[in-house]
C-alpha cells in the first residue's frame, strides 16, 4: 500500500508518495485546494485511480492527457491514444490541451493522429504536426491535410461547362444558401462565357440570349453522366509526363520515394502550402487543391518548410491563387470520395499483414519500423472501422 502525505502552504502543495517528494506551485488557490483534496482522498484510499489523479496534477503532460481522455505512462511521461502504444509528439499533446481548454471539437486532431500512426517512418510521425502548424494547412474532420499543387495543363478544356456549373452550384448552395434552380445559366452574347442570373431576372430580359438551363438541373445532369462532359487533364511541371485528373488519386510507389529530410528536392510527389504554390506556380498554370493522408507523407524537408514529399495525394478541386489567397473555383469531388478509396486500401493492407506479416512498404532512406505487427494491425482495423 502506498504511503501518501502532503502539506499546503498558500498556493504551494508538497506531496510525498512513498517518501518521494513532489512540489507543485499552483496557479490559483482553487487549484491548490483541488490538488490538496485529491491528496487527502488518496491518503484515505491509495488506489491506482486516486494516485493517477495526483500525478496528473503534478505533471502537466499527464494532466493534459487525463483531461482529453488519453492514456499516459507514469514512468516515461509519454502520452498515447487510448488502446495504442505509439506515443504522441509533444506538439500534438499541446494542441490537444488547447482544443480541450477551449472546448473545440477534437475529431479532426484525433483522426489526423490515427492516420499518422499508420505512417511507417518515425521521423514523419514526430515532425509532421510541427510542420503543418508553421504553415496555412487545414485538417478535415476525417484527418486529411488540405494541400496545394501547381500543375501545367496537358489537355485543357476551354469554357468548361462542367467546371462552371459545379463552381456556381457550390457558391449558390454554400455561400448564398439558395436553391440552385432559382438561377439559370446563360451564354453572354458578347464574350461567349457562361453566366448565371436569377430565373425571375432572366425572364424580364427582352434580349435574345441563349439559355443553357436551370443551374440545379444542369448540375444533376452533368454529374449523373460525367462521360459526356470532358474535364481538363493536368500534368506535373517537372517531367510533363504525368496525367492528373480531379477525383483520381495520384500515387507513387513508396519504395521509390526518398524519405531523407535533409534533402529538399528528391524522389517523391511534391505538395505544399500556399508559399510553395507561389514559388513554383506561373502564369498559365493551374492550382489544384488536394487531400493528403498523413500516412502517405514520406519526408518533411528540414530547410524548405513550404513543401513535403508524399507517396499519394487526391486532387479534388481547382483554385485560383491571387494576392496570397487560395480560392476554390471548381470542386467536383469531396472527402467522402477519398474515404471510399482509402477503405479499399486499408482492406488491402490488413489482408497483406495477415497473410505475410510484413509492414507497410518503406521509402528510400527511411528509418526501420520498430513497432510490432499487432500495433499496426490494430491501427489499420480501427481506422477502417471509423470510416465504414
Protein backbone atom coordinates (compact mmCIF):
# COMPACT_ATOMS: atom_id res chain seq x y z
CA UNK A 1 0.00 0.00 0.00
CA UNK A 2 1.28 3.45 -0.97
CA UNK A 3 2.05 5.95 1.78
CA UNK A 4 0.71 9.40 0.84
CA UNK A 5 1.24 12.64 2.76
CA UNK A 6 1.06 16.35 1.92
CA UNK A 7 1.20 19.87 3.23
CA UNK A 8 -0.27 23.00 1.68
CA UNK A 9 1.24 26.48 2.17
CA UNK A 10 -0.75 29.07 0.22
CA UNK A 11 -0.67 28.03 -3.44
CA UNK A 12 2.19 25.57 -2.91
CA UNK A 13 1.40 21.91 -2.26
CA UNK A 14 4.17 19.48 -1.25
CA UNK A 15 3.22 15.84 -1.80
CA UNK A 16 5.10 12.74 -0.64
CA UNK A 17 4.31 9.38 -2.26
CA UNK A 18 6.25 6.57 -0.58
CA UNK A 19 8.90 9.04 0.51
CA UNK A 20 9.33 10.65 -2.93
CA UNK A 21 8.68 14.39 -2.66
CA UNK A 22 6.79 16.35 -5.33
CA UNK A 23 6.28 20.12 -5.23
CA UNK A 24 3.53 21.92 -7.12
CA UNK A 25 3.24 25.71 -7.45
CA UNK A 26 -0.44 26.03 -8.27
CA UNK A 27 -1.78 28.87 -10.36
CA UNK A 28 -4.63 29.73 -8.01
CA UNK A 29 -5.99 28.97 -4.52
CA UNK A 30 -8.73 26.92 -6.18
CA UNK A 31 -6.18 24.72 -7.98
CA UNK A 32 -4.16 24.27 -4.78
CA UNK A 33 -7.32 23.35 -2.88
CA UNK A 34 -8.34 20.81 -5.53
CA UNK A 35 -4.91 19.16 -5.50
CA UNK A 36 -4.83 19.04 -1.70
CA UNK A 37 -8.28 17.41 -1.65
CA UNK A 38 -7.06 14.79 -4.16
CA UNK A 39 -4.12 14.04 -1.88
CA UNK A 40 -6.40 13.60 1.13
CA UNK A 41 -8.59 11.26 -0.90
CA UNK A 42 -5.56 9.19 -1.97
CA UNK A 43 -4.26 9.16 1.58
CA UNK A 44 -7.51 7.54 2.74
CA UNK A 45 -7.66 5.22 -0.29
CA UNK A 46 -4.29 4.91 -2.14
CA UNK A 47 -5.79 3.16 -5.16
CA UNK A 48 -4.21 3.37 -8.63
CA UNK A 49 -7.04 5.65 -9.79
CA UNK A 50 -6.59 8.10 -6.91
CA UNK A 51 -2.80 8.11 -7.28
CA UNK A 52 -3.15 8.75 -11.02
CA UNK A 53 -5.29 11.78 -10.25
CA UNK A 54 -2.48 13.24 -8.12
CA UNK A 55 0.19 12.53 -10.74
CA UNK A 56 -1.91 14.21 -13.41
CA UNK A 57 -1.95 17.38 -11.32
CA UNK A 58 1.77 17.23 -10.61
CA UNK A 59 2.80 16.57 -14.25
CA UNK A 60 1.47 18.96 -16.92
CA UNK A 61 1.75 16.41 -19.72
CA UNK A 62 -0.13 13.82 -17.69
CA UNK A 63 -2.76 16.42 -16.78
CA UNK A 64 -3.36 17.28 -20.44
CA UNK A 65 -3.75 13.62 -21.34
CA UNK A 66 -6.06 12.98 -18.42
CA UNK A 67 -8.36 15.89 -19.38
CA UNK A 68 -8.59 14.77 -23.01
CA UNK A 69 -9.24 11.12 -22.24
CA UNK A 70 -5.79 9.95 -23.38
CA UNK A 71 -3.52 7.45 -21.64
CA UNK A 72 -0.12 8.11 -20.08
CA UNK A 73 2.88 6.15 -18.91
CA UNK A 74 3.68 7.47 -15.41
CA UNK A 75 7.31 6.36 -15.69
CA UNK A 76 8.22 7.74 -19.12
CA UNK A 77 5.61 10.54 -19.21
CA UNK A 78 4.63 9.54 -22.77
CA UNK A 79 1.05 10.10 -23.92
CA UNK A 80 -0.94 7.64 -26.03
CA UNK A 81 -4.28 7.43 -27.75
CA UNK A 82 -6.32 5.05 -25.64
CA UNK A 83 -5.65 1.46 -26.66
CA UNK A 84 -2.47 2.15 -28.65
CA UNK A 85 1.26 2.12 -27.89
CA UNK A 86 2.54 4.73 -30.37
CA UNK A 87 3.42 7.88 -28.35
CA UNK A 88 2.01 11.26 -29.39
CA UNK A 89 4.58 14.00 -30.14
CA UNK A 90 4.57 16.80 -27.57
CA UNK A 91 3.38 19.38 -30.12
CA UNK A 92 0.25 17.34 -30.70
CA UNK A 93 -0.30 16.98 -26.94
CA UNK A 94 -0.15 20.78 -26.60
CA UNK A 95 -2.71 21.19 -29.38
CA UNK A 96 -4.98 18.67 -27.67
CA UNK A 97 -4.64 20.73 -24.49
CA UNK A 98 -5.56 23.95 -26.30
CA UNK A 99 -8.57 22.36 -28.01
CA UNK A 100 -9.79 20.80 -24.78
CA UNK A 101 -9.45 24.00 -22.74
CA UNK A 102 -11.37 25.99 -25.41
CA UNK A 103 -13.98 23.27 -25.86
CA UNK A 104 -13.07 22.86 -29.55
CA UNK A 105 -14.06 19.59 -31.25
CA UNK A 106 -11.13 17.13 -31.25
CA UNK A 107 -12.39 14.94 -34.11
CA UNK A 108 -10.02 16.30 -36.78
CA UNK A 109 -6.98 16.15 -34.48
CA UNK A 110 -7.66 12.60 -33.28
CA UNK A 111 -8.38 11.34 -36.81
CA UNK A 112 -5.21 13.04 -38.07
CA UNK A 113 -3.18 11.17 -35.45
CA UNK A 114 -4.87 7.84 -36.24
CA UNK A 115 -3.76 8.27 -39.86
CA UNK A 116 -0.30 9.47 -38.91
CA UNK A 117 0.17 6.40 -36.70
CA UNK A 118 -0.08 4.29 -39.85
CA UNK A 119 2.96 6.10 -41.30
CA UNK A 120 5.96 3.73 -41.02
CA UNK A 121 8.57 6.50 -40.62
CA UNK A 122 9.05 7.64 -37.03
CA UNK A 123 10.59 10.93 -38.20
CA UNK A 124 7.40 11.87 -40.03
CA UNK A 125 5.27 10.83 -37.06
CA UNK A 126 7.21 13.20 -34.80
CA UNK A 127 7.73 16.16 -37.15
CA UNK A 128 4.63 16.46 -39.34
CA UNK A 129 2.46 18.29 -36.83
CA UNK A 130 5.26 20.79 -36.15
CA UNK A 131 5.39 21.33 -39.91
CA UNK A 132 1.70 21.95 -40.50
CA UNK A 133 1.37 24.31 -37.52
CA UNK A 134 4.03 26.52 -39.15
CA UNK A 135 2.03 26.97 -42.35
CA UNK A 136 -1.51 27.58 -43.57
CA UNK A 137 -2.61 23.95 -43.68
CA UNK A 138 -6.11 22.82 -42.80
CA UNK A 139 -7.24 19.47 -41.43
CA UNK A 140 -10.56 17.95 -42.47
CA UNK A 141 -12.81 16.19 -39.96
CA UNK A 142 -11.58 12.85 -41.31
CA UNK A 143 -7.98 13.84 -40.53
CA UNK A 144 -6.74 14.59 -44.06
CA UNK A 145 -4.45 17.53 -44.79
CA UNK A 146 -5.61 20.09 -47.37
CA UNK A 147 -2.59 20.98 -49.53
CA UNK A 148 -1.88 22.59 -52.89
CA UNK A 149 -0.16 21.61 -56.12
CA UNK A 150 0.88 23.86 -59.02
CA UNK A 151 0.43 21.96 -62.30
CA UNK A 152 0.53 22.58 -66.03
CA UNK A 153 -2.29 21.81 -68.45
CA UNK A 154 -1.97 18.64 -70.52
CA UNK A 155 -5.43 18.76 -72.11
CA UNK A 156 -7.26 21.96 -71.28
CA UNK A 157 -11.00 22.16 -71.76
CA UNK A 158 -11.83 25.78 -72.58
CA UNK A 159 -15.09 27.28 -71.45
CA UNK A 160 -15.72 24.14 -69.43
CA UNK A 161 -19.45 23.94 -68.70
CA UNK A 162 -18.94 21.23 -66.06
CA UNK A 163 -16.40 23.38 -64.20
CA UNK A 164 -18.63 26.46 -64.34
CA UNK A 165 -21.75 24.64 -63.22
CA UNK A 166 -20.05 22.82 -60.33
CA UNK A 167 -18.43 26.04 -59.14
CA UNK A 168 -21.61 28.10 -59.26
CA UNK A 169 -23.70 25.30 -57.75
CA UNK A 170 -21.42 25.24 -54.69
CA UNK A 171 -21.48 29.02 -54.35
CA UNK A 172 -25.27 29.16 -54.51
CA UNK A 173 -25.76 26.25 -52.09
CA UNK A 174 -22.97 27.01 -49.63
CA UNK A 175 -22.38 30.77 -49.76
CA UNK A 176 -25.77 32.12 -50.77
CA UNK A 177 -27.98 29.48 -49.15
CA UNK A 178 -30.39 29.40 -52.09
CA UNK A 179 -31.93 26.75 -54.27
CA UNK A 180 -29.73 26.34 -57.42
CA UNK A 181 -32.84 26.11 -59.58
CA UNK A 182 -33.64 29.72 -58.72
CA UNK A 183 -30.81 30.54 -61.14
CA UNK A 184 -30.35 29.92 -64.85
CA UNK A 185 -27.12 29.53 -66.81
CA UNK A 186 -26.88 31.57 -69.99
CA UNK A 187 -24.28 32.42 -72.62
CA UNK A 188 -23.08 36.02 -72.62
CA UNK A 189 -23.87 37.38 -76.11
CA UNK A 190 -20.58 39.29 -76.44
CA UNK A 191 -17.96 37.17 -74.68
CA UNK A 192 -19.48 33.72 -75.15
CA UNK A 193 -18.81 32.97 -71.47
CA UNK A 194 -21.22 31.15 -69.20
CA UNK A 195 -23.02 33.36 -66.65
CA UNK A 196 -25.81 32.90 -64.12
CA UNK A 197 -28.68 35.11 -63.04
CA UNK A 198 -31.89 34.67 -61.12
CA UNK A 199 -34.62 33.00 -63.14
CA UNK A 200 -37.06 35.84 -62.48
CA UNK A 201 -34.45 38.38 -63.60
CA UNK A 202 -33.79 36.49 -66.83
CA UNK A 203 -37.49 36.26 -67.59
CA UNK A 204 -37.66 40.06 -67.52
CA UNK A 205 -34.99 40.48 -70.19
CA UNK A 206 -36.15 41.21 -73.71
CA UNK A 207 -32.83 40.36 -75.35
CA UNK A 208 -32.31 37.24 -77.43
CA UNK A 209 -29.88 35.42 -75.12
CA UNK A 210 -29.07 31.71 -75.24
CA UNK A 211 -30.14 29.98 -72.04
CA UNK A 212 -28.43 26.67 -71.17
CA UNK A 213 -30.78 25.62 -68.37
CA UNK A 214 -31.51 25.84 -64.68
CA UNK A 215 -28.39 25.55 -62.51
CA UNK A 216 -29.67 22.71 -60.31
CA UNK A 217 -30.90 20.65 -63.27
CA UNK A 218 -27.61 21.14 -65.10
CA UNK A 219 -25.58 20.05 -62.08
CA UNK A 220 -27.57 16.81 -61.71
CA UNK A 221 -27.36 16.13 -65.43
CA UNK A 222 -23.61 16.70 -65.60
CA UNK A 223 -22.69 14.54 -62.63
CA UNK A 224 -25.08 11.76 -63.49
CA UNK A 225 -23.38 11.42 -66.88
CA UNK A 226 -19.77 12.52 -66.47
CA UNK A 227 -18.60 10.67 -69.60
CA UNK A 228 -20.43 13.18 -71.72
CA UNK A 229 -18.64 16.08 -70.04
CA UNK A 230 -14.91 16.01 -70.55
CA UNK A 231 -12.76 17.66 -67.90
CA UNK A 232 -9.29 19.14 -68.12
CA UNK A 233 -6.25 16.91 -67.62
CA UNK A 234 -3.16 18.29 -65.90
CA UNK A 235 0.49 17.28 -65.67
CA UNK A 236 3.45 17.88 -63.40
CA UNK A 237 5.64 20.90 -64.17
CA UNK A 238 8.91 18.96 -63.91
CA UNK A 239 8.65 15.95 -66.27
CA UNK A 240 5.38 16.81 -68.09
CA UNK A 241 4.76 13.06 -68.26
CA UNK A 242 2.04 12.60 -65.64
CA UNK A 243 -1.70 12.70 -66.24
CA UNK A 244 -3.53 14.26 -63.31
CA UNK A 245 -7.33 14.41 -63.09
CA UNK A 246 -9.69 15.60 -60.41
CA UNK A 247 -11.05 12.73 -58.33
CA UNK A 248 -8.25 10.31 -59.25
CA UNK A 249 -5.56 9.64 -56.60
CA UNK A 250 -2.02 10.33 -57.80
CA UNK A 251 0.18 7.52 -56.49
CA UNK A 252 3.91 6.78 -56.49
CA UNK A 253 5.42 3.58 -55.12
CA UNK A 254 6.67 4.47 -51.64
CA UNK A 255 9.81 2.39 -52.19
CA UNK A 256 10.79 4.83 -54.96
CA UNK A 257 10.39 7.93 -52.74
CA UNK A 258 13.20 9.49 -50.73
CA UNK A 259 12.40 9.97 -47.04
CA UNK A 260 15.64 11.77 -46.10
CA UNK A 261 14.51 15.10 -44.57
CA UNK A 262 17.99 16.58 -45.12
CA UNK A 263 17.33 16.59 -48.89
CA UNK A 264 14.95 19.32 -50.07
CA UNK A 265 14.29 18.05 -53.60
CA UNK A 266 14.32 14.34 -54.33
CA UNK A 267 12.15 11.43 -55.42
CA UNK A 268 8.50 11.71 -54.44
CA UNK A 269 5.34 13.65 -55.18
CA UNK A 270 5.63 17.28 -54.08
CA UNK A 271 2.78 19.24 -52.50
CA UNK A 272 2.78 22.13 -50.09
CA UNK A 273 1.38 25.29 -48.59
CA UNK A 274 0.37 28.45 -50.44
CA UNK A 275 4.01 29.60 -50.21
CA UNK A 276 5.03 26.55 -52.24
CA UNK A 277 2.42 27.36 -54.90
CA UNK A 278 3.64 30.95 -55.01
CA UNK A 279 7.21 29.79 -55.62
CA UNK A 280 6.51 27.18 -58.28
CA UNK A 281 3.33 28.37 -59.96
CA UNK A 282 3.45 30.61 -63.02
CA UNK A 283 1.08 32.29 -65.44
CA UNK A 284 -0.96 29.74 -67.33
CA UNK A 285 -0.66 27.08 -64.64
CA UNK A 286 -3.49 25.61 -62.61
CA UNK A 287 -3.55 25.25 -58.84
CA UNK A 288 -5.04 22.01 -57.56
CA UNK A 289 -6.43 21.63 -54.06
CA UNK A 290 -5.54 18.17 -52.77
CA UNK A 291 -6.17 15.90 -49.81
CA UNK A 292 -3.19 14.10 -48.31
CA UNK A 293 -3.48 11.20 -45.93
CA UNK A 294 -0.76 11.71 -43.26
CA UNK A 295 0.06 8.02 -43.64
CA UNK A 296 1.40 8.78 -47.13
CA UNK A 297 3.76 11.61 -46.18
CA UNK A 298 7.32 10.48 -46.97
CA UNK A 299 9.50 13.41 -45.93
CA UNK A 300 9.28 16.82 -44.34
CA UNK A 301 12.37 18.72 -45.58
CA UNK A 302 14.47 20.33 -42.86
CA UNK A 303 15.08 23.54 -44.78
CA UNK A 304 12.30 24.22 -47.28
CA UNK A 305 9.34 24.21 -44.90
CA UNK A 306 6.76 25.12 -47.52
CA UNK A 307 6.56 21.69 -49.11
CA UNK A 308 6.73 17.97 -48.39
CA UNK A 309 7.17 14.74 -50.30
CA UNK A 310 4.30 12.26 -50.35
CA UNK A 311 3.56 8.91 -51.96
CA UNK A 312 -0.05 9.83 -52.72
CA UNK A 313 -2.39 12.80 -53.00
CA UNK A 314 -6.01 13.21 -54.04
CA UNK A 315 -6.77 16.28 -56.22
CA UNK A 316 -10.37 17.28 -55.60
CA UNK A 317 -10.67 20.91 -56.70
CA UNK A 318 -9.19 23.64 -58.89
CA UNK A 319 -8.36 27.00 -57.35
CA UNK A 320 -7.01 30.43 -58.15
CA UNK A 321 -4.08 31.95 -56.31
CA UNK A 322 -4.28 35.74 -56.14
CA UNK A 323 -2.81 38.15 -53.59
CA UNK A 324 -1.71 35.30 -51.36
CA UNK A 325 -5.20 33.80 -51.15
CA UNK A 326 -6.41 30.42 -52.38
CA UNK A 327 -9.97 30.47 -53.74
CA UNK A 328 -11.65 27.29 -54.92
CA UNK A 329 -13.28 27.81 -58.30
CA UNK A 330 -14.18 24.23 -59.16
CA UNK A 331 -14.93 21.31 -56.87
CA UNK A 332 -16.26 18.05 -58.23
CA UNK A 333 -15.15 15.66 -55.51
CA UNK A 334 -15.32 15.54 -51.74
CA UNK A 335 -13.71 13.99 -48.70
CA UNK A 336 -16.12 11.06 -48.85
CA UNK A 337 -14.80 10.13 -52.30
CA UNK A 338 -11.28 9.79 -50.91
CA UNK A 339 -12.53 7.88 -47.86
CA UNK A 340 -14.09 5.27 -50.16
CA UNK A 341 -10.72 4.88 -51.88
CA UNK A 342 -8.95 4.75 -48.52
CA UNK A 343 -11.24 1.97 -47.28
CA UNK A 344 -10.18 -0.26 -50.18
CA UNK A 345 -6.50 0.47 -49.48
CA UNK A 346 -6.90 -0.29 -45.76
CA UNK A 347 -8.54 -3.61 -46.53
CA UNK A 348 -5.62 -4.47 -48.83
CA UNK A 349 -3.06 -3.56 -46.15
CA UNK A 350 -4.89 -5.56 -43.48
CA UNK A 351 -5.02 -8.62 -45.75
CA UNK A 352 -1.33 -8.19 -46.56
CA UNK A 353 -0.31 -8.00 -42.90
CA UNK A 354 -2.43 -11.03 -42.01
CA UNK A 355 -1.08 -13.11 -44.87
CA UNK A 356 2.58 -12.13 -44.87
CA UNK A 357 3.16 -10.34 -41.54
CA UNK A 358 5.01 -7.58 -43.35
CA UNK A 359 4.80 -3.85 -42.52
CA UNK A 360 3.85 -1.06 -44.87
CA UNK A 361 6.48 -0.53 -47.55
CA UNK A 362 9.35 1.76 -46.56
CA UNK A 363 10.79 4.56 -48.66
CA UNK A 364 14.43 5.10 -49.55
CA UNK A 365 16.46 6.25 -46.50
CA UNK A 366 13.55 5.52 -44.14
CA UNK A 367 14.12 4.56 -40.54
CA UNK A 368 13.19 0.96 -39.86
CA UNK A 369 9.75 0.37 -38.37
CA UNK A 370 10.17 -0.63 -34.73
CA UNK A 371 6.58 -1.33 -33.75
CA UNK A 372 5.12 -4.84 -33.57
CA UNK A 373 2.70 -6.06 -36.21
CA UNK A 374 -0.03 -6.25 -33.59
CA UNK A 375 0.12 -2.45 -33.12
CA UNK A 376 -0.05 -1.76 -36.87
CA UNK A 377 -2.92 -4.19 -37.30
CA UNK A 378 -4.87 -2.53 -34.50
CA UNK A 379 -4.32 0.92 -36.06
CA UNK A 380 -5.39 -0.21 -39.53
CA UNK A 381 -8.51 -2.01 -38.30
CA UNK A 382 -9.57 0.91 -36.09
CA UNK A 383 -9.26 3.39 -38.95
CA UNK A 384 -11.24 1.12 -41.27
CA UNK A 385 -13.94 0.78 -38.61
CA UNK A 386 -14.09 4.57 -38.22
CA UNK A 387 -14.85 5.27 -41.90
CA UNK A 388 -17.20 2.39 -42.65
